[in-house]
Amino acid sequence: MRHLLVIQLRKKAALTVGLIGGLAFLVLAILATWLPWDTDSLAENKNKPAGEKTASEDPYLYLGATSCSGSACHGSTTPRNKLRIAQNEFYTWSQKDDHAKAYEALTKPDSKIIAKNLKLAKPEESERCLVCHAMRVSPESQGTLYDLTEGVSCESCHGPAEKWLGAHIRKDFDRQKGTAVGMYNTKNLVKRAQKCLECHGGMEGKVVDHELIGAGHPRLSFEMDNYTHAMPAHWLPPQDKKEREWIGARAWAVGQAMALHNEVQLLITSRRSRDGLWPDLTHFDCFACHHAVVDHLRGVTDQDKNEQRWRFREYDGKPGRLVWRSSLYSVFRYTVNQISPEEGKTLDQLVKALHEGLAGKGGSPDAFSATLNRLAELAEKIATQAAQYSFNQRVVLALMRNISGDGQRLAAVGFQSAEQAVLALASLHDSYVDTVGPLPDGKAVKESIDALYKEIQVSRSFNPMQFEASMDKIHKQLAKTDGATRGAP
């Protein structure tokens, strides 16, 4: 019960913590005027200086979210406009953000059932769960205010604060100095996607595998821009106009590229940790297997037909084979063809080789490994290109038209690709509106995208024919926007 009590007290006592933290801010402000960048530890760590830690340990201490909670720092209950930050970041996170409730989720009945299925005694004490539901670090890296029950807290994303907590309030502090002392650069879209994907896509040691999904854990799905907008913002938009324009489109494209890169890296890891070529089943399309099986063909209702995916899907190989989870490619390919058509051709070839390799037709294990490595490198390269690419009105509209115009193929590929297509249209639409303003017939387009969201809420009720018709409707609406791009860059 102690962990629940801590969470409840932390939320109810936000104002009190803010007052205490305010005093801490004054102390830090004084220290920051004379502390050098290589300042000694700001928190005790078993009386062991940071410089004496072994290479296997985190190089800096994690001080805990409370160290950020001062009302004059990040703990204000209302946004302020005197500094380059709103100063209510801690309050927003602790009171409104589900990341703050990630540890608490492990104590809920559903988590207990999942743990029971996995033969785990307590999910809130299991390393398998805590690596993503909390800021799990070694005892040697825990500062005096470190608290596991805070969930996914500030330093989970921004890095251990030991060396930059005091320094980062100085006027001459910048990202380069922060990176040198353990601060993670979340402003960099590629690095931001990497950090999100550690848990929302998985990495070695943090994997939602087929066993975990079979036990009841939700499958993972990721799209960086939409997921960012779903969070209660504890950040301000970029001040630079060029950086602010089309930020949603860039975040979407980078997130797609890094999600594919992450998936391929997991495939490589999965093969290395298993015997032979066979990877974990999470790398395959869930709904290639988890769909209605044909019992008979007579007297089948239209509803039954809609649930029989063999009527709609496209088979690259033989029916009945496991199919790679190509949702990370099927929509992303439009971006690659826009940014670099030649690399788009290479991407298509590598994905085809990946499919053949997983189907047992990819030649030797060494050849298949080479395909995976080339695909991972290409995805990461495209992510960097996408972060620097000059999106504009014409490009974003072209992407929306191309995606919506391919509804038949996306519906046939399956639910997970349809899901990514809807998220892509929503992200690109919002980026257009934020940068340019409403589309011609913008209300109708938005209503159509909102309606598409409802079609991907529950996988078992996904109707490929209805999805195809809805995509065609949006495509025709977007075709009316030709005049909107005349004279546009």
Protein backbone atom coordinates (compact mmCIF):
# COMPACT_ATOMS: atom_id res chain seq x y z
CA MET A 1 0.00 0.00 0.00
CA ARG A 2 2.97 2.33 0.50
CA HIS A 3 3.43 2.99 -3.20
CA LEU A 4 -0.23 3.98 -3.61
CA LEU A 5 -0.01 6.28 -0.63
CA VAL A 6 3.08 7.96 -2.03
CA ILE A 7 1.33 8.65 -5.33
CA GLN A 8 -1.78 10.02 -3.62
CA LEU A 9 0.21 12.24 -1.29
CA ARG A 10 2.37 13.52 -4.14
CA LYS A 11 -0.69 14.59 -6.11
CA LYS A 12 -2.56 16.11 -3.19
CA ALA A 13 0.51 17.94 -1.93
CA ALA A 14 1.67 19.50 -5.20
CA LEU A 15 1.41 23.02 -3.80
CA THR A 16 3.32 22.15 -0.66
CA VAL A 17 6.06 20.49 -2.69
CA GLY A 18 6.16 23.56 -4.90
CA LEU A 19 6.86 25.82 -1.93
CA ILE A 20 9.63 23.56 -0.70
CA GLY A 21 11.00 23.29 -4.21
CA GLY A 22 10.98 27.07 -4.50
CA LEU A 23 13.55 27.28 -1.76
CA ALA A 24 15.59 24.64 -3.58
CA PHE A 25 15.44 26.80 -6.71
CA LEU A 26 16.94 29.77 -4.86
CA VAL A 27 19.76 27.60 -3.61
CA LEU A 28 20.39 26.22 -7.09
CA ALA A 29 20.34 29.71 -8.56
CA ILE A 30 23.11 30.76 -6.19
CA LEU A 31 25.13 27.61 -6.79
CA ALA A 32 24.77 27.86 -10.55
CA THR A 33 26.62 31.18 -10.60
CA TRP A 34 29.87 29.57 -9.50
CA LEU A 35 29.62 25.80 -9.94
CA PRO A 36 31.83 24.54 -12.81
CA TRP A 37 30.43 22.23 -15.48
CA ASP A 38 32.23 19.24 -13.96
CA THR A 39 30.71 19.87 -10.52
CA ASP A 40 30.82 17.00 -8.02
CA SER A 41 27.74 14.93 -7.25
CA LEU A 42 24.70 16.89 -6.13
CA ALA A 43 23.28 13.85 -4.40
CA GLU A 44 24.71 11.08 -2.25
CA ASN A 45 25.16 7.74 -3.95
CA LYS A 46 26.34 5.27 -1.38
CA ASN A 47 29.18 7.76 -0.72
CA LYS A 48 30.67 6.89 -4.10
CA PRO A 49 31.65 9.82 -6.36
CA ALA A 50 30.39 9.70 -9.92
CA GLY A 51 33.94 9.49 -11.22
CA GLU A 52 34.53 6.21 -9.41
CA LYS A 53 31.59 4.36 -10.94
CA THR A 54 32.24 1.35 -13.11
CA ALA A 55 31.61 1.48 -16.84
CA SER A 56 28.54 -0.75 -16.47
CA GLU A 57 26.70 1.77 -14.31
CA ASP A 58 24.90 4.97 -15.30
CA PRO A 59 27.50 7.76 -15.29
CA TYR A 60 25.22 10.22 -13.49
CA LEU A 61 22.67 10.08 -10.68
CA TYR A 62 18.92 10.20 -11.15
CA LEU A 63 17.59 12.73 -8.67
CA GLY A 64 13.83 12.12 -8.93
CA ALA A 65 10.94 14.25 -10.17
CA THR A 66 10.64 16.12 -6.88
CA SER A 67 13.92 17.86 -7.66
CA CYS A 68 12.09 19.60 -10.55
CA SER A 69 8.99 20.56 -8.56
CA GLY A 70 9.81 24.01 -7.22
CA SER A 71 7.10 26.59 -7.85
CA ALA A 72 9.79 28.93 -9.16
CA CYS A 73 11.18 26.13 -11.37
CA HIS A 74 8.75 23.72 -13.08
CA GLY A 75 6.14 23.33 -10.34
CA SER A 76 3.87 26.34 -10.87
CA THR A 77 0.18 25.41 -10.98
CA THR A 78 -0.41 27.87 -13.83
CA PRO A 79 1.69 28.71 -16.90
CA ARG A 80 3.90 31.79 -16.76
CA ASN A 81 5.47 33.87 -19.51
CA LYS A 82 8.52 35.43 -17.88
CA LEU A 83 11.00 32.75 -18.96
CA ARG A 84 11.57 30.55 -22.00
CA ILE A 85 9.52 27.85 -20.27
CA ALA A 86 5.98 27.90 -18.86
CA GLN A 87 7.24 26.77 -15.40
CA ASN A 88 4.25 24.44 -14.88
CA GLU A 89 5.87 21.37 -16.45
CA PHE A 90 6.06 19.30 -13.26
CA TYR A 91 2.49 20.16 -12.33
CA THR A 92 1.22 19.23 -15.82
CA TRP A 93 3.08 15.92 -15.76
CA SER A 94 2.11 14.94 -12.20
CA GLN A 95 -1.56 15.88 -12.46
CA LYS A 96 -2.52 15.24 -16.10
CA ASP A 97 -0.01 12.96 -17.82
CA ASP A 98 -0.54 9.19 -17.92
CA HIS A 99 3.24 8.70 -17.78
CA ALA A 100 3.01 9.72 -14.13
CA LYS A 101 0.51 6.89 -13.58
CA ALA A 102 2.57 4.20 -15.32
CA TYR A 103 3.74 2.58 -12.08
CA GLU A 104 0.30 2.84 -10.52
CA ALA A 105 -1.11 0.95 -13.53
CA LEU A 106 0.86 -2.09 -12.41
CA THR A 107 -1.21 -2.25 -9.22
CA LYS A 108 -4.55 -2.41 -11.06
CA PRO A 109 -6.66 -5.59 -11.45
CA ASP A 110 -5.90 -6.01 -15.18
CA SER A 111 -2.16 -5.93 -14.49
CA LYS A 112 -2.59 -8.51 -11.74
CA ILE A 113 -4.32 -10.86 -14.19
CA ILE A 114 -1.56 -10.40 -16.79
CA ALA A 115 1.04 -11.08 -14.10
CA LYS A 116 -0.83 -14.20 -13.01
CA ASN A 117 -0.85 -15.47 -16.58
CA LEU A 118 2.91 -14.90 -16.75
CA LYS A 119 3.50 -16.51 -13.34
CA LEU A 120 4.75 -13.21 -11.91
CA ALA A 121 4.11 -12.62 -8.21
CA LYS A 122 3.72 -8.83 -8.31
CA PRO A 123 3.91 -6.77 -11.51
CA GLU A 124 4.94 -3.69 -9.51
CA GLU A 125 8.05 -5.58 -8.43
CA SER A 126 8.82 -7.36 -11.71
CA GLU A 127 11.82 -6.19 -13.71
CA ARG A 128 9.94 -7.16 -16.86
CA CYS A 129 7.22 -4.59 -16.11
CA LEU A 130 9.24 -1.90 -14.35
CA VAL A 131 11.65 -1.30 -17.23
CA CYS A 132 8.88 0.64 -18.98
CA HIS A 133 6.34 1.42 -16.26
CA ALA A 134 8.87 3.22 -14.08
CA MET A 135 12.28 4.89 -14.22
CA ARG A 136 14.15 1.73 -13.29
CA VAL A 137 17.84 2.43 -12.55
CA SER A 138 20.50 0.64 -10.51
CA PRO A 139 20.75 1.44 -6.77
CA GLU A 140 24.16 3.06 -7.39
CA SER A 141 22.51 5.58 -9.74
CA GLN A 142 19.70 6.63 -7.40
CA GLY A 143 19.83 10.05 -5.78
CA THR A 144 18.36 10.72 -2.36
CA LEU A 145 14.97 11.83 -3.78
CA TYR A 146 14.71 9.02 -6.35
CA ASP A 147 11.31 7.32 -6.14
CA LEU A 148 10.38 4.30 -8.29
CA THR A 149 6.67 4.92 -7.75
CA GLU A 150 6.79 8.21 -9.66
CA GLY A 151 6.37 6.19 -12.84
CA VAL A 152 7.83 7.49 -16.10
CA SER A 153 9.14 10.74 -14.71
CA CYS A 154 11.23 13.69 -15.89
CA GLU A 155 14.62 12.00 -16.11
CA SER A 156 13.18 9.02 -17.98
CA CYS A 157 13.12 11.27 -21.05
CA HIS A 158 15.44 14.16 -20.17
CA GLY A 159 18.30 12.14 -18.71
CA PRO A 160 19.89 11.90 -15.24
CA ALA A 161 19.95 15.39 -13.73
CA GLU A 162 22.88 15.16 -11.34
CA LYS A 163 25.25 17.30 -13.38
CA TRP A 164 22.80 19.65 -15.07
CA LEU A 165 20.10 20.34 -12.48
CA GLY A 166 21.85 23.40 -11.09
CA ALA A 167 23.59 24.39 -14.30
CA HIS A 168 20.58 24.36 -16.61
CA ILE A 169 19.12 27.57 -15.17
CA ARG A 170 22.18 29.56 -16.25
CA LYS A 171 21.70 31.89 -19.20
CA ASP A 172 24.67 30.42 -21.06
CA PHE A 173 23.40 26.84 -20.73
CA ASP A 174 22.55 25.28 -24.09
CA ARG A 175 21.81 21.86 -25.59
CA GLN A 176 25.44 21.14 -26.34
CA LYS A 177 26.46 21.72 -22.74
CA GLY A 178 23.47 19.77 -21.52
CA THR A 179 24.27 16.77 -23.71
CA ALA A 180 27.83 16.74 -22.37
CA VAL A 181 26.57 16.25 -18.80
CA GLY A 182 23.78 13.74 -19.34
CA MET A 183 20.79 15.77 -20.56
CA TYR A 184 18.94 14.06 -23.41
CA ASN A 185 18.24 16.25 -26.46
CA THR A 186 14.49 15.83 -26.97
CA LYS A 187 14.47 18.80 -29.36
CA ASN A 188 16.16 16.58 -31.93
CA LEU A 189 13.29 14.72 -33.62
CA VAL A 190 15.38 11.63 -34.39
CA LYS A 191 16.57 11.32 -30.81
CA ARG A 192 13.07 12.06 -29.52
CA ALA A 193 11.66 9.21 -31.59
CA GLN A 194 14.43 6.90 -30.35
CA LYS A 195 13.58 7.73 -26.75
CA CYS A 196 9.82 7.21 -27.23
CA LEU A 197 10.38 3.94 -29.08
CA GLU A 198 12.41 2.45 -26.23
CA CYS A 199 9.08 1.59 -24.64
CA HIS A 200 6.45 2.36 -27.29
CA GLY A 201 8.21 0.16 -29.83
CA GLY A 202 10.54 -1.86 -27.66
CA MET A 203 14.26 -2.47 -27.48
CA GLU A 204 16.52 -5.20 -26.20
CA GLY A 205 15.52 -5.72 -22.57
CA LYS A 206 12.26 -3.81 -23.02
CA VAL A 207 10.17 -5.98 -25.31
CA VAL A 208 6.42 -6.54 -25.39
CA ASP A 209 6.73 -9.95 -27.01
CA HIS A 210 4.13 -12.46 -28.15
CA GLU A 211 4.05 -14.10 -24.72
CA LEU A 212 3.25 -10.79 -23.03
CA ILE A 213 0.52 -9.96 -25.55
CA GLY A 214 -0.88 -13.46 -25.17
CA ALA A 215 -1.06 -12.85 -21.43
CA GLY A 216 -3.20 -9.76 -21.99
CA HIS A 217 -0.88 -6.81 -22.56
CA PRO A 218 -2.09 -4.51 -25.39
CA ARG A 219 -0.12 -4.69 -28.64
CA LEU A 220 2.18 -1.76 -29.28
CA SER A 221 1.42 0.84 -31.93
CA PHE A 222 3.33 4.09 -32.48
CA GLU A 223 2.99 7.35 -34.39
CA MET A 224 5.03 10.15 -32.84
CA ASP A 225 3.10 13.26 -33.90
CA ASN A 226 -0.39 12.04 -32.97
CA TYR A 227 0.86 10.56 -29.70
CA THR A 228 2.63 13.83 -28.87
CA HIS A 229 -0.58 15.79 -29.44
CA ALA A 230 -2.47 13.34 -27.23
CA MET A 231 -0.21 14.21 -24.31
CA PRO A 232 -0.96 17.21 -22.08
CA ALA A 233 1.76 19.53 -23.36
CA HIS A 234 4.44 20.43 -20.82
CA TRP A 235 6.47 22.24 -23.47
CA LEU A 236 6.13 25.37 -25.61
CA PRO A 237 6.10 25.40 -29.43
CA PRO A 238 9.39 26.36 -31.12
CA GLN A 239 10.00 30.09 -31.17
CA ASP A 240 11.74 30.01 -34.54
CA LYS A 241 9.16 30.34 -37.32
CA LYS A 242 11.02 28.04 -39.72
CA GLU A 243 11.36 25.36 -37.05
CA ARG A 244 7.69 25.73 -36.04
CA GLU A 245 6.24 25.47 -39.56
CA TRP A 246 5.38 21.90 -40.63
CA ILE A 247 6.70 20.54 -37.33
CA GLY A 248 3.86 18.01 -37.28
CA ALA A 249 4.67 16.68 -40.75
CA ARG A 250 8.37 16.38 -39.89
CA ALA A 251 7.62 14.65 -36.57
CA TRP A 252 5.32 12.20 -38.35
CA ALA A 253 7.89 11.39 -41.05
CA VAL A 254 10.79 11.03 -38.61
CA GLY A 255 8.68 8.90 -36.29
CA GLN A 256 7.74 6.59 -39.17
CA ALA A 257 11.36 6.17 -40.25
CA MET A 258 12.61 5.50 -36.72
CA ALA A 259 9.75 3.08 -36.03
CA LEU A 260 10.85 1.03 -39.04
CA HIS A 261 14.48 1.25 -37.94
CA ASN A 262 13.50 0.15 -34.45
CA GLU A 263 11.45 -2.76 -35.78
CA VAL A 264 14.37 -4.04 -37.86
CA GLN A 265 16.75 -3.69 -34.91
CA LEU A 266 14.33 -5.76 -32.83
CA LEU A 267 14.24 -8.37 -35.57
CA ILE A 268 18.02 -8.56 -35.44
CA THR A 269 17.94 -8.86 -31.65
CA SER A 270 15.16 -11.44 -31.74
CA ARG A 271 17.12 -13.64 -34.16
CA ARG A 272 20.29 -13.32 -32.08
CA SER A 273 18.49 -14.40 -28.91
CA ARG A 274 16.81 -17.40 -30.54
CA ASP A 275 17.87 -20.50 -32.42
CA GLY A 276 17.97 -20.15 -36.19
CA LEU A 277 16.27 -17.46 -38.27
CA TRP A 278 12.93 -17.51 -36.49
CA PRO A 279 12.06 -14.21 -34.75
CA ASP A 280 9.38 -13.53 -32.14
CA LEU A 281 5.83 -13.63 -33.48
CA THR A 282 5.22 -9.95 -32.66
CA HIS A 283 7.18 -9.11 -35.82
CA PHE A 284 4.40 -10.60 -37.92
CA ASP A 285 0.99 -9.18 -38.78
CA CYS A 286 -1.28 -10.04 -35.84
CA PHE A 287 -4.36 -10.29 -38.03
CA ALA A 288 -2.83 -12.63 -40.57
CA CYS A 289 -3.52 -15.30 -37.95
CA HIS A 290 -6.01 -13.70 -35.57
CA HIS A 291 -9.03 -13.58 -37.85
CA ALA A 292 -12.15 -15.56 -38.48
CA VAL A 293 -11.41 -19.01 -39.89
CA VAL A 294 -13.60 -20.33 -42.72
CA ASP A 295 -15.98 -23.06 -41.54
CA HIS A 296 -18.20 -23.07 -44.63
CA LEU A 297 -19.03 -20.89 -47.64
CA ARG A 298 -22.81 -21.36 -47.81
CA GLY A 299 -25.17 -19.18 -45.88
CA VAL A 300 -22.45 -16.71 -44.91
CA THR A 301 -23.77 -13.28 -43.92
CA ASP A 302 -22.29 -10.04 -45.15
CA GLN A 303 -20.97 -9.45 -41.64
CA ASP A 304 -19.22 -12.82 -41.73
CA LYS A 305 -17.72 -11.99 -45.10
CA ASN A 306 -16.35 -8.71 -43.77
CA GLU A 307 -14.51 -10.66 -41.08
CA GLN A 308 -12.97 -13.12 -43.55
CA ARG A 309 -9.80 -11.32 -44.57
CA TRP A 310 -8.90 -13.78 -47.30
CA ARG A 311 -11.60 -12.10 -49.37
CA PHE A 312 -9.74 -8.78 -49.34
CA ARG A 313 -6.05 -9.15 -48.55
CA GLU A 314 -3.21 -9.20 -51.07
CA TYR A 315 -0.80 -12.12 -50.79
CA ASP A 316 2.84 -11.46 -51.68
CA GLY A 317 3.60 -15.14 -51.17
CA LYS A 318 1.55 -18.21 -50.41
CA PRO A 319 -1.64 -17.92 -48.32
CA GLY A 320 -1.21 -19.44 -44.88
CA ARG A 321 2.33 -18.19 -44.37
CA LEU A 322 3.17 -15.78 -41.61
CA VAL A 323 3.30 -12.22 -42.94
CA TRP A 324 5.71 -9.55 -41.71
CA ARG A 325 4.08 -6.63 -39.88
CA SER A 326 4.43 -4.27 -42.83
CA SER A 327 2.35 -1.44 -41.34
CA LEU A 328 5.65 0.29 -40.51
CA TYR A 329 6.43 0.36 -44.23
CA SER A 330 3.14 0.48 -46.12
CA VAL A 331 2.44 4.16 -45.33
CA PHE A 332 6.02 5.32 -44.70
CA ARG A 333 6.94 4.43 -48.31
CA TYR A 334 5.02 7.49 -49.56
CA THR A 335 7.32 9.75 -47.55
CA VAL A 336 10.46 8.04 -48.82
CA ASN A 337 9.31 8.38 -52.43
CA GLN A 338 8.71 12.08 -51.79
CA ILE A 339 12.03 12.79 -50.06
CA SER A 340 14.26 10.54 -52.19
CA PRO A 341 12.68 8.51 -55.02
CA GLU A 342 15.89 6.50 -55.60
CA GLU A 343 16.05 5.44 -51.98
CA GLY A 344 12.34 4.65 -52.23
CA LYS A 345 13.21 2.02 -54.85
CA THR A 346 15.93 0.63 -52.59
CA LEU A 347 13.48 0.49 -49.69
CA ASP A 348 10.98 -1.49 -51.79
CA GLN A 349 13.70 -3.97 -52.79
CA LEU A 350 14.92 -4.46 -49.23
CA VAL A 351 11.40 -4.95 -47.87
CA LYS A 352 10.73 -7.53 -50.57
CA ALA A 353 13.94 -9.31 -49.58
CA LEU A 354 12.84 -9.16 -45.95
CA HIS A 355 9.52 -10.80 -46.79
CA GLU A 356 11.27 -13.53 -48.76
CA GLY A 357 13.77 -14.13 -46.00
CA LEU A 358 11.06 -14.56 -43.37
CA ALA A 359 9.26 -16.93 -45.75
CA GLY A 360 12.38 -19.08 -46.04
CA LYS A 361 13.30 -17.90 -49.55
CA GLY A 362 15.96 -15.35 -48.65
CA GLY A 363 19.07 -17.46 -49.23
CA SER A 364 21.66 -17.92 -46.52
CA PRO A 365 21.40 -16.57 -42.95
CA ASP A 366 24.29 -14.22 -43.74
CA ALA A 367 22.41 -12.78 -46.73
CA PHE A 368 19.32 -12.25 -44.62
CA SER A 369 21.39 -10.53 -41.91
CA ALA A 370 22.86 -8.25 -44.55
CA THR A 371 19.34 -7.33 -45.71
CA LEU A 372 18.30 -6.46 -42.17
CA ASN A 373 21.38 -4.32 -41.56
CA ARG A 374 20.95 -2.44 -44.83
CA LEU A 375 17.28 -1.82 -44.09
CA ALA A 376 18.03 -0.52 -40.59
CA GLU A 377 20.73 1.81 -41.94
CA LEU A 378 18.47 3.12 -44.69
CA ALA A 379 15.58 3.83 -42.31
CA GLU A 380 17.87 5.75 -39.97
CA LYS A 381 19.33 7.71 -42.89
CA ILE A 382 15.86 8.66 -44.10
CA ALA A 383 14.89 9.75 -40.57
CA THR A 384 17.74 12.26 -40.60
CA GLN A 385 16.74 13.45 -44.07
CA ALA A 386 13.11 13.81 -43.00
CA ALA A 387 14.09 15.93 -40.00
CA GLN A 388 15.84 18.36 -42.36
CA TYR A 389 13.41 18.14 -45.28
CA SER A 390 11.59 21.29 -46.36
CA PHE A 391 7.95 20.25 -46.17
CA ASN A 392 5.55 22.68 -47.79
CA GLN A 393 1.92 23.08 -48.77
CA ARG A 394 2.26 21.20 -52.04
CA VAL A 395 4.20 18.27 -50.56
CA VAL A 396 1.86 17.74 -47.62
CA LEU A 397 -1.24 17.80 -49.82
CA ALA A 398 0.41 15.38 -52.25
CA LEU A 399 1.15 12.98 -49.40
CA MET A 400 -2.44 13.17 -48.18
CA ARG A 401 -3.80 12.51 -51.68
CA ASN A 402 -1.42 9.61 -52.30
CA ILE A 403 -2.26 7.92 -49.01
CA SER A 404 -6.02 8.41 -49.29
CA GLY A 405 -5.92 7.31 -52.92
CA ASP A 406 -4.45 3.94 -52.00
CA GLY A 407 -7.31 2.81 -49.76
CA GLN A 408 -7.85 -0.49 -51.57
CA ARG A 409 -4.27 -1.67 -51.06
CA LEU A 410 -4.05 -0.42 -47.48
CA ALA A 411 -7.34 -2.11 -46.58
CA ALA A 412 -6.16 -5.34 -48.18
CA VAL A 413 -2.81 -5.28 -46.35
CA GLY A 414 -4.70 -5.19 -43.09
CA PHE A 415 -5.87 -3.39 -39.99
CA GLN A 416 -2.48 -2.24 -38.73
CA SER A 417 -1.65 -0.55 -42.04
CA ALA A 418 -5.10 1.07 -42.09
CA GLU A 419 -4.43 2.31 -38.57
CA GLN A 420 -1.16 3.97 -39.64
CA ALA A 421 -2.85 5.50 -42.69
CA VAL A 422 -5.49 7.21 -40.56
CA LEU A 423 -2.88 8.51 -38.12
CA ALA A 424 -0.85 9.81 -41.07
CA LEU A 425 -3.80 11.68 -42.59
CA ALA A 426 -4.64 13.22 -39.22
CA SER A 427 -1.07 14.34 -38.62
CA LEU A 428 -0.59 15.81 -42.09
CA HIS A 429 -3.98 17.53 -41.99
CA ASP A 430 -3.26 19.18 -38.64
CA SER A 431 0.21 20.22 -39.76
CA TYR A 432 -1.32 21.86 -42.83
CA VAL A 433 -3.91 23.71 -40.78
CA ASP A 434 -1.35 24.85 -38.20
CA THR A 435 0.99 26.22 -40.89
CA VAL A 436 -1.26 27.40 -43.72
CA GLY A 437 -4.80 27.50 -42.35
CA PRO A 438 -7.95 25.52 -43.18
CA LEU A 439 -8.13 23.48 -46.35
CA PRO A 440 -10.78 24.30 -48.94
CA ASP A 441 -13.80 22.36 -47.74
CA GLY A 442 -11.74 21.86 -44.58
CA LYS A 443 -14.68 21.11 -42.33
CA ALA A 444 -15.77 18.18 -44.50
CA VAL A 445 -12.22 16.82 -44.70
CA LYS A 446 -11.80 16.96 -40.94
CA GLU A 447 -15.15 15.28 -40.36
CA SER A 448 -14.15 12.49 -42.76
CA ILE A 449 -10.82 11.94 -40.96
CA ASP A 450 -12.62 11.93 -37.60
CA ALA A 451 -15.00 9.31 -38.99
CA LEU A 452 -12.03 7.21 -40.10
CA TYR A 453 -10.75 7.22 -36.52
CA LYS A 454 -13.89 5.39 -35.47
CA GLU A 455 -13.19 2.66 -38.04
CA ILE A 456 -9.84 1.78 -36.44
CA GLN A 457 -10.86 1.87 -32.79
CA VAL A 458 -11.47 -1.89 -32.51
CA SER A 459 -9.61 -4.34 -34.71
CA ARG A 460 -12.26 -7.05 -34.63
CA SER A 461 -14.87 -4.70 -36.11
CA PHE A 462 -12.60 -3.41 -38.89
CA ASN A 463 -14.40 -3.49 -42.23
CA PRO A 464 -11.96 -3.36 -45.20
CA MET A 465 -14.66 -2.46 -47.73
CA GLN A 466 -15.99 0.36 -45.57
CA PHE A 467 -12.46 1.62 -44.95
CA GLU A 468 -11.72 1.64 -48.67
CA ALA A 469 -14.91 3.63 -49.34
CA SER A 470 -14.08 6.12 -46.59
CA MET A 471 -10.57 6.64 -47.95
CA ASP A 472 -11.97 7.17 -51.43
CA LYS A 473 -14.32 9.82 -50.04
CA ILE A 474 -11.41 11.73 -48.49
CA HIS A 475 -9.39 11.37 -51.68
CA LYS A 476 -12.19 12.99 -53.70
CA GLN A 477 -12.49 15.79 -51.14
CA LEU A 478 -8.75 16.44 -51.35
CA ALA A 479 -8.92 16.45 -55.14
CA LYS A 480 -10.93 19.68 -54.82
CA THR A 481 -7.93 21.37 -53.20
CA ASP A 482 -5.89 21.67 -56.41
CA GLY A 483 -6.40 25.41 -56.39
CA ALA A 484 -5.00 25.64 -52.89
CA THR A 485 -1.50 24.79 -54.11
CA ARG A 486 -1.36 27.07 -57.14
CA GLY A 487 1.44 29.49 -56.55
CA ALA A 488 2.42 27.68 -53.35
CA PRO A 489 6.06 26.70 -52.84
